[in-house]
Amino acid sequence: MNVKVLGIQPGTVTNGMTNEEYIDRQVAFMEELVEKEKPYLVTFPEMMTGIYFGMVREKKWFQYAEDFLTGPTTTRMLEEAKKLDVHIAYSLFEKSIEDGKEVYYNTMGLVSPVRGVIGKYRKIHIPGGDIRYNAVYEKYYFNSGDTLPVFELDNGVKMAMLICYDRSFPEVWRSYYLQGAQIIVAATCTMGLRADMFITELQTRALESHSFVIALNRAGDEQVENEPVPRHHFGKSFIADPLGNLVTEPLSDEGWRYVCADLDMDEVTYARGRLNWQRDRHPEIYGMISDSNFVPKGLIFEKGF
């Protein structure tokens, strides 16, 4: 079975652009590309609903959080999925009410043109800590998710999602592999020192999980109010196959570009037969990986703020 996928690399929120205008431009770009390429699945990067505010700590940004099911983003993506006859993987700043309290997540959603909302994934690994090393304040805004769901598209293909920093935790990829994920969307909004390792890291993850990986980022310069200097999102969106080979060449650091490919699910079957991680692994000796109390002797972890 083949699945044609399309991943969008948007530009940044430029001076004077509202969040509404930003998502409007992305939706218009999607409509144009769907008409041209006729994909089965369209995917967006992390935090597509507006400017990235994770470099500052300000309460005002919570006003942009929304309910996953009834908020404007899922409502609009459902409308677009039905109108365009495509599946859409998209992102939002989620507000959830749990035990009478507001809880916030960095979330990806998945909708079908036939079945409506298929499900959501909440970012698990939240960056932020000692600002001497990494001045990111996502822990101020987001709680960690606690599930690693794998979803079925309408054609039966199994797909999973992860968000930005999640990509650096092999345990996530192995969990998706064990659940049979054939396509994994790595939605990011990344910049800075990790540019050099972005492509190699995700090619490796594709090989480790024997899945197609759709890696997406925004591209260009952006600066939120009270952020000391502009940050540069390096783009480099691409697609890799289940053996880690590039299916599409990584994009440049220019926004409003896209990647598109027809993915053959038989390549997943071949990869898993050629290098059978499932057969040859030894989970009985990996216990320390899931032991939350395990800390190597002599190693000090700083809690940060």
C-alpha atoms as a PDB file:
ATOM      1  CA  MET A   1       0.000   0.000   0.000  1.00  0.00           C
ATOM      2  CA  ASN A   2       1.190   3.483  -0.858  1.00  0.00           C
ATOM      3  CA  VAL A   3       0.382   6.644   1.095  1.00  0.00           C
ATOM      4  CA  LYS A   4       1.095  10.057  -0.364  1.00  0.00           C
ATOM      5  CA  VAL A   5       2.107  12.509   2.348  1.00  0.00           C
ATOM      6  CA  LEU A   6       2.748  16.232   2.337  1.00  0.00           C
ATOM      7  CA  GLY A   7       4.530  18.165   5.073  1.00  0.00           C
ATOM      8  CA  ILE A   8       4.396  21.939   5.346  1.00  0.00           C
ATOM      9  CA  GLN A   9       7.357  24.099   6.367  1.00  0.00           C
ATOM     10  CA  PRO A  10       5.836  27.493   7.150  1.00  0.00           C
ATOM     11  CA  GLY A  11       7.692  30.728   7.576  1.00  0.00           C
ATOM     12  CA  THR A  12       7.682  32.627  10.844  1.00  0.00           C
ATOM     13  CA  VAL A  13       5.337  35.168  12.373  1.00  0.00           C
ATOM     14  CA  THR A  14       6.745  38.404  11.001  1.00  0.00           C
ATOM     15  CA  ASN A  15       6.363  41.900  12.467  1.00  0.00           C
ATOM     16  CA  GLY A  16       2.761  43.012  12.547  1.00  0.00           C
ATOM     17  CA  MET A  17       1.320  39.594  11.683  1.00  0.00           C
ATOM     18  CA  THR A  18      -1.375  38.321  14.054  1.00  0.00           C
ATOM     19  CA  ASN A  19      -1.708  34.687  15.057  1.00  0.00           C
ATOM     20  CA  GLU A  20      -4.955  34.560  13.069  1.00  0.00           C
ATOM     21  CA  GLU A  21      -3.216  35.823   9.952  1.00  0.00           C
ATOM     22  CA  TYR A  22      -0.442  33.290  10.458  1.00  0.00           C
ATOM     23  CA  ILE A  23      -2.749  30.284  10.573  1.00  0.00           C
ATOM     24  CA  ASP A  24      -4.829  31.713   7.723  1.00  0.00           C
ATOM     25  CA  ARG A  25      -1.718  31.751   5.551  1.00  0.00           C
ATOM     26  CA  GLN A  26      -0.886  28.164   6.478  1.00  0.00           C
ATOM     27  CA  VAL A  27      -4.381  26.976   5.654  1.00  0.00           C
ATOM     28  CA  ALA A  28      -4.338  28.803   2.312  1.00  0.00           C
ATOM     29  CA  PHE A  29      -0.937  27.265   1.553  1.00  0.00           C
ATOM     30  CA  MET A  30      -2.299  23.810   2.432  1.00  0.00           C
ATOM     31  CA  GLU A  31      -5.310  24.257   0.156  1.00  0.00           C
ATOM     32  CA  GLU A  32      -3.043  25.274  -2.729  1.00  0.00           C
ATOM     33  CA  LEU A  33      -0.728  22.305  -2.194  1.00  0.00           C
ATOM     34  CA  VAL A  34      -3.514  19.742  -1.802  1.00  0.00           C
ATOM     35  CA  GLU A  35      -4.961  20.873  -5.105  1.00  0.00           C
ATOM     36  CA  LYS A  36      -1.543  20.467  -6.708  1.00  0.00           C
ATOM     37  CA  GLU A  37      -0.207  17.282  -5.080  1.00  0.00           C
ATOM     38  CA  LYS A  38      -3.362  15.340  -4.052  1.00  0.00           C
ATOM     39  CA  PRO A  39      -1.911  13.861  -0.816  1.00  0.00           C
ATOM     40  CA  TYR A  40      -3.661  11.436   1.540  1.00  0.00           C
ATOM     41  CA  LEU A  41      -2.100  12.998   4.655  1.00  0.00           C
ATOM     42  CA  VAL A  42      -1.059  16.605   5.331  1.00  0.00           C
ATOM     43  CA  THR A  43       1.145  17.407   8.324  1.00  0.00           C
ATOM     44  CA  PHE A  44       2.126  20.636  10.084  1.00  0.00           C
ATOM     45  CA  PRO A  45       4.962  21.435  12.521  1.00  0.00           C
ATOM     46  CA  GLU A  46       4.744  22.246  16.226  1.00  0.00           C
ATOM     47  CA  MET A  47       2.975  25.395  17.496  1.00  0.00           C
ATOM     48  CA  MET A  48       1.377  26.198  14.144  1.00  0.00           C
ATOM     49  CA  THR A  49      -1.253  28.457  15.714  1.00  0.00           C
ATOM     50  CA  GLY A  50       1.025  31.435  16.236  1.00  0.00           C
ATOM     51  CA  ILE A  51       4.313  32.922  17.276  1.00  0.00           C
ATOM     52  CA  TYR A  52       6.614  30.772  19.418  1.00  0.00           C
ATOM     53  CA  PHE A  53       6.572  32.225  22.953  1.00  0.00           C
ATOM     54  CA  GLY A  54       8.716  29.646  24.734  1.00  0.00           C
ATOM     55  CA  MET A  55      11.672  32.011  25.061  1.00  0.00           C
ATOM     56  CA  VAL A  56       9.871  34.263  27.574  1.00  0.00           C
ATOM     57  CA  ARG A  57       7.852  33.665  30.755  1.00  0.00           C
ATOM     58  CA  GLU A  58       4.658  35.728  30.575  1.00  0.00           C
ATOM     59  CA  LYS A  59       1.128  34.871  31.666  1.00  0.00           C
ATOM     60  CA  LYS A  60      -0.464  36.639  28.732  1.00  0.00           C
ATOM     61  CA  TRP A  61       0.322  33.746  26.390  1.00  0.00           C
ATOM     62  CA  PHE A  62      -2.100  31.459  28.217  1.00  0.00           C
ATOM     63  CA  GLN A  63      -4.957  33.372  26.609  1.00  0.00           C
ATOM     64  CA  TYR A  64      -4.164  31.569  23.343  1.00  0.00           C
ATOM     65  CA  ALA A  65      -4.739  28.093  24.790  1.00  0.00           C
ATOM     66  CA  GLU A  66      -7.876  26.315  23.623  1.00  0.00           C
ATOM     67  CA  ASP A  67      -9.990  23.238  24.206  1.00  0.00           C
ATOM     68  CA  PHE A  68      -8.857  20.398  21.978  1.00  0.00           C
ATOM     69  CA  LEU A  69     -12.276  19.312  20.724  1.00  0.00           C
ATOM     70  CA  THR A  70     -14.261  22.555  20.697  1.00  0.00           C
ATOM     71  CA  GLY A  71     -11.524  25.147  20.116  1.00  0.00           C
ATOM     72  CA  PRO A  72     -10.981  26.993  16.842  1.00  0.00           C
ATOM     73  CA  THR A  73      -8.028  24.934  15.604  1.00  0.00           C
ATOM     74  CA  THR A  74      -9.595  21.473  15.672  1.00  0.00           C
ATOM     75  CA  THR A  75     -12.875  22.932  14.407  1.00  0.00           C
ATOM     76  CA  ARG A  76     -11.099  24.455  11.428  1.00  0.00           C
ATOM     77  CA  MET A  77      -8.958  21.400  10.700  1.00  0.00           C
ATOM     78  CA  LEU A  78     -12.076  19.229  10.659  1.00  0.00           C
ATOM     79  CA  GLU A  79     -13.677  21.558   8.144  1.00  0.00           C
ATOM     80  CA  GLU A  80     -10.557  21.511   5.980  1.00  0.00           C
ATOM     81  CA  ALA A  81     -10.194  17.723   6.157  1.00  0.00           C
ATOM     82  CA  LYS A  82     -13.735  17.243   4.886  1.00  0.00           C
ATOM     83  CA  LYS A  83     -13.468  19.957   2.248  1.00  0.00           C
ATOM     84  CA  LEU A  84     -10.122  18.739   0.905  1.00  0.00           C
ATOM     85  CA  ASP A  85     -10.698  15.008   1.523  1.00  0.00           C
ATOM     86  CA  VAL A  86      -7.402  14.558   3.394  1.00  0.00           C
ATOM     87  CA  HIS A  87      -6.176  13.503   6.805  1.00  0.00           C
ATOM     88  CA  ILE A  88      -4.512  16.381   8.684  1.00  0.00           C
ATOM     89  CA  ALA A  89      -2.000  16.251  11.549  1.00  0.00           C
ATOM     90  CA  TYR A  90      -1.884  19.673  13.201  1.00  0.00           C
ATOM     91  CA  SER A  91      -0.744  21.402  16.400  1.00  0.00           C
ATOM     92  CA  LEU A  92      -2.175  23.673  19.080  1.00  0.00           C
ATOM     93  CA  PHE A  93      -1.744  25.053  22.610  1.00  0.00           C
ATOM     94  CA  GLU A  94      -4.265  22.964  24.538  1.00  0.00           C
ATOM     95  CA  LYS A  95      -6.177  23.925  27.680  1.00  0.00           C
ATOM     96  CA  SER A  96      -7.743  21.025  29.552  1.00  0.00           C
ATOM     97  CA  ILE A  97      -9.892  21.024  32.685  1.00  0.00           C
ATOM     98  CA  GLU A  98      -8.785  18.227  35.008  1.00  0.00           C
ATOM     99  CA  ASP A  99     -10.178  17.827  38.519  1.00  0.00           C
ATOM    100  CA  GLY A 100     -11.542  21.339  38.249  1.00  0.00           C
ATOM    101  CA  LYS A 101      -8.177  22.876  37.358  1.00  0.00           C
ATOM    102  CA  GLU A 102      -6.791  24.277  34.111  1.00  0.00           C
ATOM    103  CA  VAL A 103      -3.938  22.185  32.726  1.00  0.00           C
ATOM    104  CA  TYR A 104      -2.000  23.108  29.591  1.00  0.00           C
ATOM    105  CA  TYR A 105      -0.341  20.958  26.934  1.00  0.00           C
ATOM    106  CA  ASN A 106       1.640  21.233  23.715  1.00  0.00           C
ATOM    107  CA  THR A 107      -0.545  19.049  21.517  1.00  0.00           C
ATOM    108  CA  MET A 108      -0.820  17.438  18.093  1.00  0.00           C
ATOM    109  CA  GLY A 109      -4.184  16.393  16.701  1.00  0.00           C
ATOM    110  CA  LEU A 110      -5.188  14.073  13.870  1.00  0.00           C
ATOM    111  CA  VAL A 111      -8.420  14.347  11.884  1.00  0.00           C
ATOM    112  CA  SER A 112      -9.948  12.275   9.102  1.00  0.00           C
ATOM    113  CA  PRO A 113     -12.275  13.421   6.311  1.00  0.00           C
ATOM    114  CA  VAL A 114     -14.586  10.508   7.167  1.00  0.00           C
ATOM    115  CA  ARG A 115     -14.181   9.705  10.871  1.00  0.00           C
ATOM    116  CA  GLY A 116     -13.592  13.212  12.183  1.00  0.00           C
ATOM    117  CA  VAL A 117     -11.244  13.506  15.150  1.00  0.00           C
ATOM    118  CA  ILE A 118      -9.058  10.408  15.363  1.00  0.00           C
ATOM    119  CA  GLY A 119      -7.031  11.433  18.387  1.00  0.00           C
ATOM    120  CA  LYS A 120      -4.306  13.587  19.911  1.00  0.00           C
ATOM    121  CA  TYR A 121      -0.783  13.377  21.247  1.00  0.00           C
ATOM    122  CA  ARG A 122       0.514  15.565  24.071  1.00  0.00           C
ATOM    123  CA  LYS A 123       4.201  16.407  24.152  1.00  0.00           C
ATOM    124  CA  ILE A 124       5.890  14.390  26.903  1.00  0.00           C
ATOM    125  CA  HIS A 125       9.426  15.753  27.104  1.00  0.00           C
ATOM    126  CA  ILE A 126       9.333  19.459  27.930  1.00  0.00           C
ATOM    127  CA  PRO A 127      12.573  21.471  27.606  1.00  0.00           C
ATOM    128  CA  GLY A 128      13.610  24.064  30.154  1.00  0.00           C
ATOM    129  CA  GLY A 129      15.818  24.089  33.169  1.00  0.00           C
ATOM    130  CA  ASP A 130      19.125  25.737  33.837  1.00  0.00           C
ATOM    131  CA  ILE A 131      19.035  28.885  31.699  1.00  0.00           C
ATOM    132  CA  ARG A 132      22.838  29.004  31.668  1.00  0.00           C
ATOM    133  CA  TYR A 133      22.649  26.281  29.046  1.00  0.00           C
ATOM    134  CA  ASN A 134      19.260  26.579  27.409  1.00  0.00           C
ATOM    135  CA  ALA A 135      17.036  29.625  27.925  1.00  0.00           C
ATOM    136  CA  VAL A 136      13.748  27.923  27.045  1.00  0.00           C
ATOM    137  CA  TYR A 137      10.741  28.245  29.326  1.00  0.00           C
ATOM    138  CA  GLU A 138       8.352  25.611  28.002  1.00  0.00           C
ATOM    139  CA  LYS A 139       8.018  24.066  31.463  1.00  0.00           C
ATOM    140  CA  TYR A 140       6.329  27.302  32.524  1.00  0.00           C
ATOM    141  CA  TYR A 141       3.565  26.769  29.964  1.00  0.00           C
ATOM    142  CA  PHE A 142       3.184  23.044  29.364  1.00  0.00           C
ATOM    143  CA  ASN A 143       2.519  19.938  31.401  1.00  0.00           C
ATOM    144  CA  SER A 144       3.874  16.620  30.178  1.00  0.00           C
ATOM    145  CA  GLY A 145       1.638  14.201  28.358  1.00  0.00           C
ATOM    146  CA  ASP A 146       1.542  10.627  29.608  1.00  0.00           C
ATOM    147  CA  THR A 147       0.610   8.403  26.650  1.00  0.00           C
ATOM    148  CA  LEU A 148       2.226   7.235  23.411  1.00  0.00           C
ATOM    149  CA  PRO A 149      -0.741   6.499  21.148  1.00  0.00           C
ATOM    150  CA  VAL A 150      -0.567   4.985  17.683  1.00  0.00           C
ATOM    151  CA  PHE A 151      -3.486   5.799  15.393  1.00  0.00           C
ATOM    152  CA  GLU A 152      -4.931   4.168  12.287  1.00  0.00           C
ATOM    153  CA  LEU A 153      -5.603   6.243   9.223  1.00  0.00           C
ATOM    154  CA  ASP A 154      -8.763   5.414   7.284  1.00  0.00           C
ATOM    155  CA  ASN A 155      -6.771   3.066   5.048  1.00  0.00           C
ATOM    156  CA  GLY A 156      -5.456   1.093   8.046  1.00  0.00           C
ATOM    157  CA  VAL A 157      -1.909   2.504   8.008  1.00  0.00           C
ATOM    158  CA  LYS A 158      -0.591   3.069  11.529  1.00  0.00           C
ATOM    159  CA  MET A 159       0.686   6.535  12.330  1.00  0.00           C
ATOM    160  CA  ALA A 160       2.172   8.191  15.424  1.00  0.00           C
ATOM    161  CA  MET A 161       3.221  11.711  16.338  1.00  0.00           C
ATOM    162  CA  LEU A 162       5.829  13.307  18.554  1.00  0.00           C
ATOM    163  CA  ILE A 163       6.812  16.895  19.216  1.00  0.00           C
ATOM    164  CA  CYS A 164      10.245  18.532  19.001  1.00  0.00           C
ATOM    165  CA  TYR A 165      12.303  17.577  22.090  1.00  0.00           C
ATOM    166  CA  ASP A 166      10.574  14.168  22.120  1.00  0.00           C
ATOM    167  CA  ARG A 167      12.694  13.264  19.100  1.00  0.00           C
ATOM    168  CA  SER A 168      15.803  12.917  21.272  1.00  0.00           C
ATOM    169  CA  PHE A 169      14.406  10.134  23.455  1.00  0.00           C
ATOM    170  CA  PRO A 170      14.905   6.730  21.788  1.00  0.00           C
ATOM    171  CA  GLU A 171      12.415   5.185  24.197  1.00  0.00           C
ATOM    172  CA  VAL A 172       9.587   7.020  22.434  1.00  0.00           C
ATOM    173  CA  TRP A 173      10.585   5.654  19.043  1.00  0.00           C
ATOM    174  CA  ARG A 174      10.990   2.108  20.333  1.00  0.00           C
ATOM    175  CA  SER A 175       7.542   2.305  21.941  1.00  0.00           C
ATOM    176  CA  TYR A 176       6.034   3.348  18.618  1.00  0.00           C
ATOM    177  CA  TYR A 177       7.965   0.605  16.820  1.00  0.00           C
ATOM    178  CA  LEU A 178       6.613  -2.032  19.194  1.00  0.00           C
ATOM    179  CA  GLN A 179       3.080  -0.791  18.496  1.00  0.00           C
ATOM    180  CA  GLY A 180       3.612  -1.138  14.765  1.00  0.00           C
ATOM    181  CA  ALA A 181       3.747   2.521  13.724  1.00  0.00           C
ATOM    182  CA  GLN A 182       4.545   2.804  10.016  1.00  0.00           C
ATOM    183  CA  ILE A 183       4.647   6.602   9.763  1.00  0.00           C
ATOM    184  CA  ILE A 184       5.888   8.892  12.536  1.00  0.00           C
ATOM    185  CA  VAL A 185       5.459  12.647  12.328  1.00  0.00           C
ATOM    186  CA  ALA A 186       8.179  14.600  14.144  1.00  0.00           C
ATOM    187  CA  ALA A 187       6.672  18.081  14.443  1.00  0.00           C
ATOM    188  CA  THR A 188       9.175  20.671  15.650  1.00  0.00           C
ATOM    189  CA  CYS A 189       9.621  24.399  16.165  1.00  0.00           C
ATOM    190  CA  THR A 190      13.349  24.232  16.673  1.00  0.00           C
ATOM    191  CA  MET A 191      16.335  26.505  16.357  1.00  0.00           C
ATOM    192  CA  GLY A 192      19.867  27.087  17.555  1.00  0.00           C
ATOM    193  CA  LEU A 193      22.573  24.606  18.430  1.00  0.00           C
ATOM    194  CA  ARG A 194      20.624  21.536  17.317  1.00  0.00           C
ATOM    195  CA  ALA A 195      20.628  22.497  13.644  1.00  0.00           C
ATOM    196  CA  ASP A 196      23.727  20.455  12.874  1.00  0.00           C
ATOM    197  CA  MET A 197      22.321  17.230  14.299  1.00  0.00           C
ATOM    198  CA  PHE A 198      18.683  17.619  13.190  1.00  0.00           C
ATOM    199  CA  ILE A 199      18.842  15.563  10.011  1.00  0.00           C
ATOM    200  CA  THR A 200      21.240  12.855  11.214  1.00  0.00           C
ATOM    201  CA  GLU A 201      19.356  12.371  14.464  1.00  0.00           C
ATOM    202  CA  LEU A 202      16.031  11.839  12.729  1.00  0.00           C
ATOM    203  CA  GLN A 203      17.490   9.588  10.044  1.00  0.00           C
ATOM    204  CA  THR A 204      18.801   7.444  12.887  1.00  0.00           C
ATOM    205  CA  ARG A 205      15.387   7.429  14.550  1.00  0.00           C
ATOM    206  CA  ALA A 206      13.786   6.307  11.289  1.00  0.00           C
ATOM    207  CA  LEU A 207      16.193   3.357  11.153  1.00  0.00           C
ATOM    208  CA  GLU A 208      15.718   2.504  14.833  1.00  0.00           C
ATOM    209  CA  SER A 209      11.928   2.499  14.525  1.00  0.00           C
ATOM    210  CA  HIS A 210      11.743   1.080  10.982  1.00  0.00           C
ATOM    211  CA  SER A 211       9.197   3.727  10.089  1.00  0.00           C
ATOM    212  CA  PHE A 212       8.854   6.563   7.637  1.00  0.00           C
ATOM    213  CA  VAL A 213       9.645   9.814   9.430  1.00  0.00           C
ATOM    214  CA  ILE A 214       8.159  13.141   8.376  1.00  0.00           C
ATOM    215  CA  ALA A 215      10.313  15.787  10.078  1.00  0.00           C
ATOM    216  CA  LEU A 216       8.904  19.311  10.034  1.00  0.00           C
ATOM    217  CA  ASN A 217      10.070  22.693  11.297  1.00  0.00           C
ATOM    218  CA  ARG A 218       9.258  26.337  10.680  1.00  0.00           C
ATOM    219  CA  ALA A 219      11.842  28.488   8.925  1.00  0.00           C
ATOM    220  CA  GLY A 220      13.128  32.030   9.248  1.00  0.00           C
ATOM    221  CA  ASP A 221      13.755  34.678  11.877  1.00  0.00           C
ATOM    222  CA  GLU A 222      11.246  35.409  14.618  1.00  0.00           C
ATOM    223  CA  GLN A 223      11.172  37.438  17.827  1.00  0.00           C
ATOM    224  CA  VAL A 224       8.424  37.581  20.403  1.00  0.00           C
ATOM    225  CA  GLU A 225       7.863  40.665  22.546  1.00  0.00           C
ATOM    226  CA  ASN A 226      10.495  40.918  25.321  1.00  0.00           C
ATOM    227  CA  GLU A 227      12.695  38.268  23.728  1.00  0.00           C
ATOM    228  CA  PRO A 228      16.244  39.715  23.844  1.00  0.00           C
ATOM    229  CA  VAL A 229      17.261  38.865  20.271  1.00  0.00           C
ATOM    230  CA  PRO A 230      15.615  37.255  17.237  1.00  0.00           C
ATOM    231  CA  ARG A 231      15.901  33.491  16.947  1.00  0.00           C
ATOM    232  CA  HIS A 232      16.491  31.651  13.685  1.00  0.00           C
ATOM    233  CA  HIS A 233      14.405  28.597  12.846  1.00  0.00           C
ATOM    234  CA  PHE A 234      16.541  26.573  10.482  1.00  0.00           C
ATOM    235  CA  GLY A 235      13.869  24.658   8.588  1.00  0.00           C
ATOM    236  CA  LYS A 236      15.480  21.488   7.129  1.00  0.00           C
ATOM    237  CA  SER A 237      12.163  19.637   6.883  1.00  0.00           C
ATOM    238  CA  PHE A 238      12.488  16.250   5.161  1.00  0.00           C
ATOM    239  CA  ILE A 239      11.176  12.693   4.902  1.00  0.00           C
ATOM    240  CA  ALA A 240      13.235   9.571   5.688  1.00  0.00           C
ATOM    241  CA  ASP A 241      12.505   5.927   4.912  1.00  0.00           C
ATOM    242  CA  PRO A 242      12.492   2.954   7.357  1.00  0.00           C
ATOM    243  CA  LEU A 243      16.203   2.327   6.784  1.00  0.00           C
ATOM    244  CA  GLY A 244      17.108   5.943   7.482  1.00  0.00           C
ATOM    245  CA  ASN A 245      17.640   7.007   3.879  1.00  0.00           C
ATOM    246  CA  LEU A 246      16.443  10.403   2.686  1.00  0.00           C
ATOM    247  CA  VAL A 247      13.261  10.233   0.649  1.00  0.00           C
ATOM    248  CA  THR A 248      13.261  14.001   0.112  1.00  0.00           C
ATOM    249  CA  GLU A 249      16.207  16.355   0.326  1.00  0.00           C
ATOM    250  CA  PRO A 250      16.063  18.580   3.426  1.00  0.00           C
ATOM    251  CA  LEU A 251      14.604  21.989   2.746  1.00  0.00           C
ATOM    252  CA  SER A 252      16.569  25.214   3.239  1.00  0.00           C
ATOM    253  CA  ASP A 253      15.934  27.778   5.974  1.00  0.00           C
ATOM    254  CA  GLU A 254      13.345  29.542   3.834  1.00  0.00           C
ATOM    255  CA  GLY A 255       9.704  29.383   4.835  1.00  0.00           C
ATOM    256  CA  TRP A 256       6.602  28.478   2.860  1.00  0.00           C
ATOM    257  CA  ARG A 257       8.103  25.348   1.351  1.00  0.00           C
ATOM    258  CA  TYR A 258       6.952  21.738   1.556  1.00  0.00           C
ATOM    259  CA  VAL A 259       8.025  18.119   1.284  1.00  0.00           C
ATOM    260  CA  CYS A 260       5.946  15.512  -0.496  1.00  0.00           C
ATOM    261  CA  ALA A 261       6.403  11.800  -1.261  1.00  0.00           C
ATOM    262  CA  ASP A 262       4.514   8.628  -2.056  1.00  0.00           C
ATOM    263  CA  LEU A 263       5.405   6.183   0.723  1.00  0.00           C
ATOM    264  CA  ASP A 264       5.341   2.431   0.072  1.00  0.00           C
ATOM    265  CA  MET A 265       4.392   0.567   3.258  1.00  0.00           C
ATOM    266  CA  ASP A 266       6.084  -2.566   1.914  1.00  0.00           C
ATOM    267  CA  GLU A 267       9.365  -0.798   2.728  1.00  0.00           C
ATOM    268  CA  VAL A 268       8.406  -0.948   6.400  1.00  0.00           C
ATOM    269  CA  THR A 269       7.817  -4.700   6.136  1.00  0.00           C
ATOM    270  CA  TYR A 270      11.145  -5.156   4.358  1.00  0.00           C
ATOM    271  CA  ALA A 271      13.093  -3.143   6.930  1.00  0.00           C
ATOM    272  CA  ARG A 272      11.586  -5.055   9.831  1.00  0.00           C
ATOM    273  CA  GLY A 273      12.452  -8.364   8.189  1.00  0.00           C
ATOM    274  CA  ARG A 274      15.968  -7.367   7.214  1.00  0.00           C
ATOM    275  CA  LEU A 275      16.893  -6.023  10.667  1.00  0.00           C
ATOM    276  CA  ASN A 276      14.591  -7.709  13.146  1.00  0.00           C
ATOM    277  CA  TRP A 277      14.832  -5.576  16.292  1.00  0.00           C
ATOM    278  CA  GLN A 278      11.716  -7.254  17.714  1.00  0.00           C
ATOM    279  CA  ARG A 279      13.240 -10.725  17.546  1.00  0.00           C
ATOM    280  CA  ASP A 280      16.731  -9.893  18.759  1.00  0.00           C
ATOM    281  CA  ARG A 281      16.190  -7.365  21.536  1.00  0.00           C
ATOM    282  CA  HIS A 282      16.496  -8.312  25.256  1.00  0.00           C
ATOM    283  CA  PRO A 283      14.018  -6.211  27.250  1.00  0.00           C
ATOM    284  CA  GLU A 284      14.670  -8.307  30.347  1.00  0.00           C
ATOM    285  CA  ILE A 285      18.017  -6.536  30.822  1.00  0.00           C
ATOM    286  CA  TYR A 286      16.893  -2.980  30.029  1.00  0.00           C
ATOM    287  CA  GLY A 287      15.073  -2.420  33.309  1.00  0.00           C
ATOM    288  CA  MET A 288      17.063   0.672  34.282  1.00  0.00           C
ATOM    289  CA  ILE A 289      15.580   2.537  31.302  1.00  0.00           C
ATOM    290  CA  SER A 290      12.099   2.466  32.814  1.00  0.00           C
ATOM    291  CA  ASP A 291      13.236   2.770  36.437  1.00  0.00           C
ATOM    292  CA  SER A 292      12.455   6.352  37.422  1.00  0.00           C
ATOM    293  CA  ASN A 293      14.621   5.995  40.541  1.00  0.00           C
ATOM    294  CA  PHE A 294      17.751   4.907  38.713  1.00  0.00           C
ATOM    295  CA  VAL A 295      20.594   7.456  38.754  1.00  0.00           C
ATOM    296  CA  PRO A 296      24.157   6.490  37.784  1.00  0.00           C
ATOM    297  CA  LYS A 297      26.606   6.835  40.647  1.00  0.00           C
ATOM    298  CA  GLY A 298      28.548  10.080  40.672  1.00  0.00           C
ATOM    299  CA  LEU A 299      26.247  11.812  38.163  1.00  0.00           C
ATOM    300  CA  ILE A 300      24.531  15.002  39.317  1.00  0.00           C
ATOM    301  CA  PHE A 301      21.359  16.264  37.705  1.00  0.00           C
ATOM    302  CA  GLU A 302      20.468  19.913  38.217  1.00  0.00           C
ATOM    303  CA  LYS A 303      16.776  20.691  38.579  1.00  0.00           C
ATOM    304  CA  GLY A 304      17.128  24.193  37.161  1.00  0.00           C
ATOM    305  CA  PHE A 305      14.324  26.643  37.953  1.00  0.00           C
END
